[in-house]
Amino acid sequence: MTSITTKIAAALCVMLALSSCGNTIRGMGKDAANTVDATQNAGNRVGNAAAK
């Protein structure tokens, strides 16, 4: 009986750890997208300033 309880607890811990990794990866994706947007905006501002 203890063996089954231990396996269930271990499975729950693994699921919790994997869900945390998913949130971190999703957040990193949003940060990368924001970085690309900021870089593009900066490039557009420099291009506009050079054209004047």
C-alpha atoms as a PDB file:
ATOM      1  CA  MET A   1       0.000   0.000   0.000  1.00  0.00           C
ATOM      2  CA  THR A   2       2.847   2.389   0.812  1.00  0.00           C
ATOM      3  CA  SER A   3       4.442   1.713  -2.552  1.00  0.00           C
ATOM      4  CA  ILE A   4       1.308   2.847  -4.419  1.00  0.00           C
ATOM      5  CA  THR A   5       1.065   6.003  -2.313  1.00  0.00           C
ATOM      6  CA  THR A   6       4.713   6.788  -2.970  1.00  0.00           C
ATOM      7  CA  LYS A   7       4.262   6.323  -6.720  1.00  0.00           C
ATOM      8  CA  ILE A   8       1.217   8.593  -6.766  1.00  0.00           C
ATOM      9  CA  ALA A   9       3.053  11.280  -4.786  1.00  0.00           C
ATOM     10  CA  ALA A  10       6.040  11.057  -7.123  1.00  0.00           C
ATOM     11  CA  ALA A  11       3.778  11.342 -10.185  1.00  0.00           C
ATOM     12  CA  LEU A  12       2.103  14.444  -8.715  1.00  0.00           C
ATOM     13  CA  CYS A  13       5.500  16.024  -8.036  1.00  0.00           C
ATOM     14  CA  VAL A  14       6.622  15.352 -11.620  1.00  0.00           C
ATOM     15  CA  MET A  15       3.396  16.843 -13.014  1.00  0.00           C
ATOM     16  CA  LEU A  16       3.839  19.956 -10.882  1.00  0.00           C
ATOM     17  CA  ALA A  17       7.440  20.381 -12.024  1.00  0.00           C
ATOM     18  CA  LEU A  18       6.501  19.978 -15.696  1.00  0.00           C
ATOM     19  CA  SER A  19       3.673  22.502 -15.442  1.00  0.00           C
ATOM     20  CA  SER A  20       6.091  24.990 -13.916  1.00  0.00           C
ATOM     21  CA  CYS A  21       8.495  24.470 -16.822  1.00  0.00           C
ATOM     22  CA  GLY A  22       5.671  25.090 -19.270  1.00  0.00           C
ATOM     23  CA  ASN A  23       4.865  28.441 -17.670  1.00  0.00           C
ATOM     24  CA  THR A  24       8.521  29.457 -17.732  1.00  0.00           C
ATOM     25  CA  ILE A  25       8.917  28.549 -21.407  1.00  0.00           C
ATOM     26  CA  ARG A  26       5.721  30.418 -22.278  1.00  0.00           C
ATOM     27  CA  GLY A  27       7.010  33.492 -20.446  1.00  0.00           C
ATOM     28  CA  MET A  28      10.345  33.306 -22.233  1.00  0.00           C
ATOM     29  CA  GLY A  29       8.507  33.189 -25.555  1.00  0.00           C
ATOM     30  CA  LYS A  30       6.602  36.361 -24.674  1.00  0.00           C
ATOM     31  CA  ASP A  31       9.823  38.080 -23.610  1.00  0.00           C
ATOM     32  CA  ALA A  32      11.501  37.120 -26.883  1.00  0.00           C
ATOM     33  CA  ALA A  33       8.545  38.452 -28.878  1.00  0.00           C
ATOM     34  CA  ASN A  34       8.652  41.732 -26.949  1.00  0.00           C
ATOM     35  CA  THR A  35      12.387  42.019 -27.627  1.00  0.00           C
ATOM     36  CA  VAL A  36      11.840  41.544 -31.361  1.00  0.00           C
ATOM     37  CA  ASP A  37       9.085  44.167 -31.369  1.00  0.00           C
ATOM     38  CA  ALA A  38      11.264  46.654 -29.498  1.00  0.00           C
ATOM     39  CA  THR A  39      14.173  46.066 -31.872  1.00  0.00           C
ATOM     40  CA  GLN A  40      11.965  46.570 -34.913  1.00  0.00           C
ATOM     41  CA  ASN A  41      10.495  49.762 -33.449  1.00  0.00           C
ATOM     42  CA  ALA A  42      13.968  51.105 -32.709  1.00  0.00           C
ATOM     43  CA  GLY A  43      15.077  50.294 -36.257  1.00  0.00           C
ATOM     44  CA  ASN A  44      12.046  52.094 -37.675  1.00  0.00           C
ATOM     45  CA  ARG A  45      12.752  55.164 -35.538  1.00  0.00           C
ATOM     46  CA  VAL A  46      16.374  55.242 -36.673  1.00  0.00           C
ATOM     47  CA  GLY A  47      15.287  54.819 -40.300  1.00  0.00           C
ATOM     48  CA  ASN A  48      12.752  57.625 -39.963  1.00  0.00           C
ATOM     49  CA  ALA A  49      15.294  59.928 -38.333  1.00  0.00           C
ATOM     50  CA  ALA A  50      17.843  59.220 -41.077  1.00  0.00           C
ATOM     51  CA  ALA A  51      15.269  59.972 -43.777  1.00  0.00           C
ATOM     52  CA  LYS A  52      14.617  63.477 -42.439  1.00  0.00           C
END
